[in-house]
C-alpha atoms as a PDB file:
ATOM      1  CA  MET A   1     -70.212 -10.459   2.822  1.00  0.00           C
ATOM      2  CA  LYS A   2     -67.837 -13.053   1.610  1.00  0.00           C
ATOM      3  CA  SER A   3     -67.236 -11.213  -1.606  1.00  0.00           C
ATOM      4  CA  ILE A   4     -66.281  -8.019   0.277  1.00  0.00           C
ATOM      5  CA  ARG A   5     -63.831 -10.069   2.304  1.00  0.00           C
ATOM      6  CA  ARG A   6     -62.399 -11.612  -0.863  1.00  0.00           C
ATOM      7  CA  ILE A   7     -62.122  -8.247  -2.622  1.00  0.00           C
ATOM      8  CA  ALA A   8     -60.425  -6.746   0.438  1.00  0.00           C
ATOM      9  CA  LEU A   9     -58.001  -9.744   0.702  1.00  0.00           C
ATOM     10  CA  THR A  10     -57.214  -9.534  -2.986  1.00  0.00           C
ATOM     11  CA  ALA A  11     -56.623  -5.787  -2.735  1.00  0.00           C
ATOM     12  CA  ALA A  12     -54.290  -6.253   0.232  1.00  0.00           C
ATOM     13  CA  VAL A  13     -52.315  -8.962  -1.570  1.00  0.00           C
ATOM     14  CA  VAL A  14     -52.062  -6.801  -4.799  1.00  0.00           C
ATOM     15  CA  LEU A  15     -50.996  -3.745  -2.720  1.00  0.00           C
ATOM     16  CA  SER A  16     -48.388  -5.827  -0.795  1.00  0.00           C
ATOM     17  CA  ALA A  17     -46.917  -7.242  -3.950  1.00  0.00           C
ATOM     18  CA  PHE A  18     -46.819  -3.778  -5.649  1.00  0.00           C
ATOM     19  CA  GLY A  19     -45.164  -2.299  -2.510  1.00  0.00           C
ATOM     20  CA  ALA A  20     -42.482  -5.041  -2.388  1.00  0.00           C
ATOM     21  CA  THR A  21     -41.793  -4.657  -6.107  1.00  0.00           C
ATOM     22  CA  THR A  22     -41.459  -0.860  -5.813  1.00  0.00           C
ATOM     23  CA  TYR A  23     -39.229  -1.181  -2.654  1.00  0.00           C
ATOM     24  CA  THR A  24     -36.886  -3.649  -4.196  1.00  0.00           C
ATOM     25  CA  SER A  25     -36.504  -1.736  -7.410  1.00  0.00           C
ATOM     26  CA  CYS A  26     -35.367   1.307  -5.442  1.00  0.00           C
ATOM     27  CA  ASN A  27     -32.473  -0.694  -3.912  1.00  0.00           C
ATOM     28  CA  THR A  28     -29.688  -0.516  -6.514  1.00  0.00           C
ATOM     29  CA  ASP A  29     -26.693  -2.838  -6.480  1.00  0.00           C
ATOM     30  CA  GLU A  30     -23.777  -0.502  -6.124  1.00  0.00           C
ATOM     31  CA  CYS A  31     -21.410  -3.329  -7.012  1.00  0.00           C
ATOM     32  CA  LYS A  32     -23.222  -4.472 -10.148  1.00  0.00           C
ATOM     33  CA  ASP A  33     -20.721  -2.901 -12.611  1.00  0.00           C
ATOM     34  CA  VAL A  34     -17.707  -2.808 -10.259  1.00  0.00           C
ATOM     35  CA  VAL A  35     -14.803  -5.258 -10.683  1.00  0.00           C
ATOM     36  CA  CYS A  36     -12.215  -5.105  -7.898  1.00  0.00           C
ATOM     37  CA  ALA A  37      -8.915  -6.689  -8.959  1.00  0.00           C
ATOM     38  CA  ASN A  38      -6.262  -8.591  -7.017  1.00  0.00           C
ATOM     39  CA  GLY A  39      -8.594  -9.820  -4.366  1.00  0.00           C
ATOM     40  CA  GLY A  40     -10.201  -6.531  -3.606  1.00  0.00           C
ATOM     41  CA  THR A  41     -13.881  -6.532  -2.488  1.00  0.00           C
ATOM     42  CA  CYS A  42     -16.653  -4.118  -3.371  1.00  0.00           C
ATOM     43  CA  ASN A  43     -18.447  -2.060  -0.741  1.00  0.00           C
ATOM     44  CA  SER A  44     -22.093  -2.521  -1.448  1.00  0.00           C
ATOM     45  CA  THR A  45     -22.948   0.811   0.168  1.00  0.00           C
ATOM     46  CA  ASP A  46     -20.994   3.043  -2.141  1.00  0.00           C
ATOM     47  CA  GLY A  47     -19.485   0.781  -4.774  1.00  0.00           C
ATOM     48  CA  SER A  48     -15.883   1.469  -3.855  1.00  0.00           C
ATOM     49  CA  CYS A  49     -13.254  -1.185  -3.705  1.00  0.00           C
ATOM     50  CA  SER A  50     -11.480  -2.259  -0.447  1.00  0.00           C
ATOM     51  CA  CYS A  51      -8.027  -3.441  -1.713  1.00  0.00           C
ATOM     52  CA  ALA A  52      -6.079  -6.449  -0.477  1.00  0.00           C
ATOM     53  CA  THR A  53      -2.726  -5.879   1.190  1.00  0.00           C
ATOM     54  CA  GLY A  54      -0.147  -4.612  -1.315  1.00  0.00           C
ATOM     55  CA  TYR A  55      -2.629  -3.026  -3.726  1.00  0.00           C
ATOM     56  CA  GLU A  56      -4.239   0.393  -4.194  1.00  0.00           C
ATOM     57  CA  GLY A  57      -6.302   2.461  -6.645  1.00  0.00           C
ATOM     58  CA  ALA A  58      -9.958   2.763  -7.485  1.00  0.00           C
ATOM     59  CA  THR A  59     -10.093  -0.881  -8.650  1.00  0.00           C
ATOM     60  CA  CYS A  60      -7.141  -2.265  -6.721  1.00  0.00           C
ATOM     61  CA  ALA A  61      -5.237  -2.744  -9.980  1.00  0.00           C
ATOM     62  CA  THR A  62      -1.989  -1.084  -8.847  1.00  0.00           C
ATOM     63  CA  GLU A  63       0.718  -2.546  -6.606  1.00  0.00           C
ATOM     64  CA  GLN A  64       1.664  -0.126  -3.875  1.00  0.00           C
ATOM     65  CA  ARG A  65       5.394  -0.969  -4.326  1.00  0.00           C
ATOM     66  CA  ALA A  66       5.331   0.064  -8.013  1.00  0.00           C
ATOM     67  CA  LYS A  67       5.874   3.741  -7.100  1.00  0.00           C
ATOM     68  CA  PHE A  68       9.165   2.740  -5.364  1.00  0.00           C
ATOM     69  CA  ILE A  69      10.530   0.519  -8.170  1.00  0.00           C
ATOM     70  CA  LYS A  70      13.033   2.596 -10.129  1.00  0.00           C
ATOM     71  CA  SER A  71      16.575   4.049 -10.026  1.00  0.00           C
ATOM     72  CA  TRP A  72      16.933   6.780  -7.413  1.00  0.00           C
ATOM     73  CA  SER A  73      19.403   9.540  -7.092  1.00  0.00           C
ATOM     74  CA  ALA A  74      20.241   9.690  -3.379  1.00  0.00           C
ATOM     75  CA  THR A  75      21.664  12.272  -0.961  1.00  0.00           C
ATOM     76  CA  ASP A  76      22.176  11.135   2.689  1.00  0.00           C
ATOM     77  CA  THR A  77      23.551  12.953   5.686  1.00  0.00           C
ATOM     78  CA  GLU A  78      24.845  11.475   8.905  1.00  0.00           C
ATOM     79  CA  VAL A  79      22.699  12.975  11.730  1.00  0.00           C
ATOM     80  CA  GLY A  80      25.042  15.387  13.445  1.00  0.00           C
ATOM     81  CA  GLY A  81      27.818  14.713  10.844  1.00  0.00           C
ATOM     82  CA  SER A  82      28.532  15.275   7.286  1.00  0.00           C
ATOM     83  CA  MET A  83      26.773  14.707   4.000  1.00  0.00           C
ATOM     84  CA  LEU A  84      27.677  11.577   2.089  1.00  0.00           C
ATOM     85  CA  PRO A  85      28.514  11.892  -1.600  1.00  0.00           C
ATOM     86  CA  SER A  86      25.466  11.641  -3.900  1.00  0.00           C
ATOM     87  CA  TYR A  87      24.892   8.107  -5.228  1.00  0.00           C
ATOM     88  CA  SER A  88      22.466   5.951  -7.180  1.00  0.00           C
ATOM     89  CA  SER A  89      20.304   3.258  -5.641  1.00  0.00           C
ATOM     90  CA  ILE A  90      17.988   0.853  -7.472  1.00  0.00           C
ATOM     91  CA  VAL A  91      14.757  -0.533  -5.998  1.00  0.00           C
ATOM     92  CA  VAL A  92      13.387  -3.740  -7.556  1.00  0.00           C
ATOM     93  CA  SER A  93      10.534  -6.092  -6.765  1.00  0.00           C
ATOM     94  CA  GLY A  94      10.959  -8.599  -3.970  1.00  0.00           C
ATOM     95  CA  THR A  95       9.469 -12.048  -3.473  1.00  0.00           C
ATOM     96  CA  SER A  96       6.041 -10.865  -2.218  1.00  0.00           C
ATOM     97  CA  VAL A  97       3.685  -8.080  -3.334  1.00  0.00           C
ATOM     98  CA  THR A  98       4.789  -5.904  -0.367  1.00  0.00           C
ATOM     99  CA  GLU A  99       8.468  -6.572  -0.649  1.00  0.00           C
ATOM    100  CA  VAL A 100      11.286  -4.674  -2.404  1.00  0.00           C
ATOM    101  CA  ARG A 101      15.015  -5.131  -2.694  1.00  0.00           C
ATOM    102  CA  ILE A 102      17.372  -2.110  -2.617  1.00  0.00           C
ATOM    103  CA  ALA A 103      20.717  -2.258  -4.408  1.00  0.00           C
ATOM    104  CA  GLY A 104      23.370   0.327  -3.673  1.00  0.00           C
ATOM    105  CA  PHE A 105      21.821   1.377  -0.343  1.00  0.00           C
ATOM    106  CA  SER A 106      23.861   4.067   1.554  1.00  0.00           C
ATOM    107  CA  ASP A 107      26.312   4.347  -1.311  1.00  0.00           C
ATOM    108  CA  ASP A 108      26.986   0.616  -1.613  1.00  0.00           C
ATOM    109  CA  TYR A 109      27.649   0.243   2.025  1.00  0.00           C
ATOM    110  CA  PHE A 110      26.113  -3.222   1.770  1.00  0.00           C
ATOM    111  CA  THR A 111      27.245  -5.551  -0.969  1.00  0.00           C
ATOM    112  CA  ASN A 112      23.917  -7.492  -0.889  1.00  0.00           C
ATOM    113  CA  ASN A 113      20.564  -6.020  -1.494  1.00  0.00           C
ATOM    114  CA  VAL A 114      18.689  -4.506   1.524  1.00  0.00           C
ATOM    115  CA  VAL A 115      15.196  -5.979   1.866  1.00  0.00           C
ATOM    116  CA  ALA A 116      12.288  -3.625   2.688  1.00  0.00           C
ATOM    117  CA  THR A 117       8.506  -3.795   2.852  1.00  0.00           C
ATOM    118  CA  VAL A 118       6.035  -1.279   1.389  1.00  0.00           C
ATOM    119  CA  SER A 119       2.661  -0.208   2.850  1.00  0.00           C
ATOM    120  CA  GLY A 120       0.978   2.783   1.208  1.00  0.00           C
ATOM    121  CA  ASN A 121       3.580   5.536   0.869  1.00  0.00           C
ATOM    122  CA  THR A 122       5.915   4.039   3.583  1.00  0.00           C
ATOM    123  CA  ILE A 123       8.896   1.814   2.964  1.00  0.00           C
ATOM    124  CA  THR A 124      10.407  -0.002   5.996  1.00  0.00           C
ATOM    125  CA  ILE A 125      13.737  -1.712   6.539  1.00  0.00           C
ATOM    126  CA  ALA A 126      13.482  -4.224   9.351  1.00  0.00           C
ATOM    127  CA  ASN A 127      16.628  -4.676  11.370  1.00  0.00           C
ATOM    128  CA  GLN A 128      18.847  -6.850   9.200  1.00  0.00           C
ATOM    129  CA  THR A 129      22.412  -7.834   8.431  1.00  0.00           C
ATOM    130  CA  PRO A 130      22.484  -8.016   4.676  1.00  0.00           C
ATOM    131  CA  ASP A 131      26.157  -9.029   4.290  1.00  0.00           C
ATOM    132  CA  ASN A 132      26.343 -11.285   7.382  1.00  0.00           C
ATOM    133  CA  ASP A 133      29.324  -9.224   8.501  1.00  0.00           C
ATOM    134  CA  GLY A 134      27.759  -7.878  11.664  1.00  0.00           C
ATOM    135  CA  TYR A 135      26.723  -4.536  10.310  1.00  0.00           C
ATOM    136  CA  LYS A 136      22.980  -3.986  10.715  1.00  0.00           C
ATOM    137  CA  VAL A 137      20.492  -1.599   9.067  1.00  0.00           C
ATOM    138  CA  SER A 138      17.107  -0.523   9.973  1.00  0.00           C
ATOM    139  CA  GLY A 139      14.842   2.455   9.158  1.00  0.00           C
ATOM    140  CA  SER A 140      11.951   3.754   7.047  1.00  0.00           C
ATOM    141  CA  GLY A 141      11.174   6.226   4.371  1.00  0.00           C
ATOM    142  CA  THR A 142       8.097   8.144   3.213  1.00  0.00           C
ATOM    143  CA  LEU A 143       7.262   8.867  -0.316  1.00  0.00           C
ATOM    144  CA  ASN A 144       5.765  12.414  -0.905  1.00  0.00           C
ATOM    145  CA  SER A 145       3.055  11.905  -3.492  1.00  0.00           C
ATOM    146  CA  THR A 146       3.249  15.459  -4.453  1.00  0.00           C
ATOM    147  CA  ASP A 147       6.867  15.880  -5.536  1.00  0.00           C
ATOM    148  CA  GLY A 148       7.831  12.122  -5.774  1.00  0.00           C
ATOM    149  CA  LYS A 149      10.746  12.500  -3.299  1.00  0.00           C
ATOM    150  CA  LEU A 150      11.534   9.692  -0.759  1.00  0.00           C
ATOM    151  CA  THR A 151      12.671  10.970   2.620  1.00  0.00           C
ATOM    152  CA  TRP A 152      14.634   8.364   4.644  1.00  0.00           C
ATOM    153  CA  SER A 153      15.727   7.950   8.231  1.00  0.00           C
ATOM    154  CA  TYR A 154      17.852   4.891   8.870  1.00  0.00           C
ATOM    155  CA  THR A 155      20.452   3.556  11.339  1.00  0.00           C
ATOM    156  CA  ILE A 156      23.567   1.482  10.552  1.00  0.00           C
ATOM    157  CA  THR A 157      24.912  -0.381  13.595  1.00  0.00           C
ATOM    158  CA  ASN A 158      28.383  -1.907  13.645  1.00  0.00           C
ATOM    159  CA  PRO A 159      29.375  -5.304  15.219  1.00  0.00           C
ATOM    160  CA  LEU A 160      30.381  -3.506  18.437  1.00  0.00           C
ATOM    161  CA  ASN A 161      26.838  -2.078  18.620  1.00  0.00           C
ATOM    162  CA  VAL A 162      27.843   1.513  17.802  1.00  0.00           C
ATOM    163  CA  ALA A 163      25.086   3.118  15.752  1.00  0.00           C
ATOM    164  CA  LYS A 164      25.085   5.943  13.325  1.00  0.00           C
ATOM    165  CA  THR A 165      21.800   7.472  12.131  1.00  0.00           C
ATOM    166  CA  TYR A 166      21.306   9.024   8.639  1.00  0.00           C
ATOM    167  CA  SER A 167      18.617  11.034   6.976  1.00  0.00           C
ATOM    168  CA  GLY A 168      18.275  11.141   3.243  1.00  0.00           C
ATOM    169  CA  THR A 169      16.347  12.401   0.298  1.00  0.00           C
ATOM    170  CA  TRP A 170      15.998  10.267  -2.830  1.00  0.00           C
ATOM    171  CA  GLN A 171      14.483  11.486  -6.044  1.00  0.00           C
END
């Protein structure tokens, strides 16, 4: 009787060990061969990277602002008014991974660079007075990932609080 119990107990232990080994061998580590750059973290369910602020791409290796950094050919129009002459504007890196600085904004309306932040395909100019002369600018633009054009809407407000709104297309 004791030997039957011992055999049954041994069989149960062996089956449990075999079952545990089989179960754990079926659970693969989706992040085993994944390296997420720039502080990104791997999702253990599907092996994709969740990127830290300011980065994108399959492995978070690309700065979001990189697609904005270049020399742009700009055409802006005052809403309800006339088109401004075409001009060039240059976007360069700012001090943080989400910041850019824009030279020549609105056909050199501002002597100093306009500071903007980038998130995904959106660039945003927070209300600011770049030249400390009382003229303020604010607005945002969206980059079309298909054609590479940047579409702007921005407002320039003078020291008397009179605002003019502009739309623009940069390419």
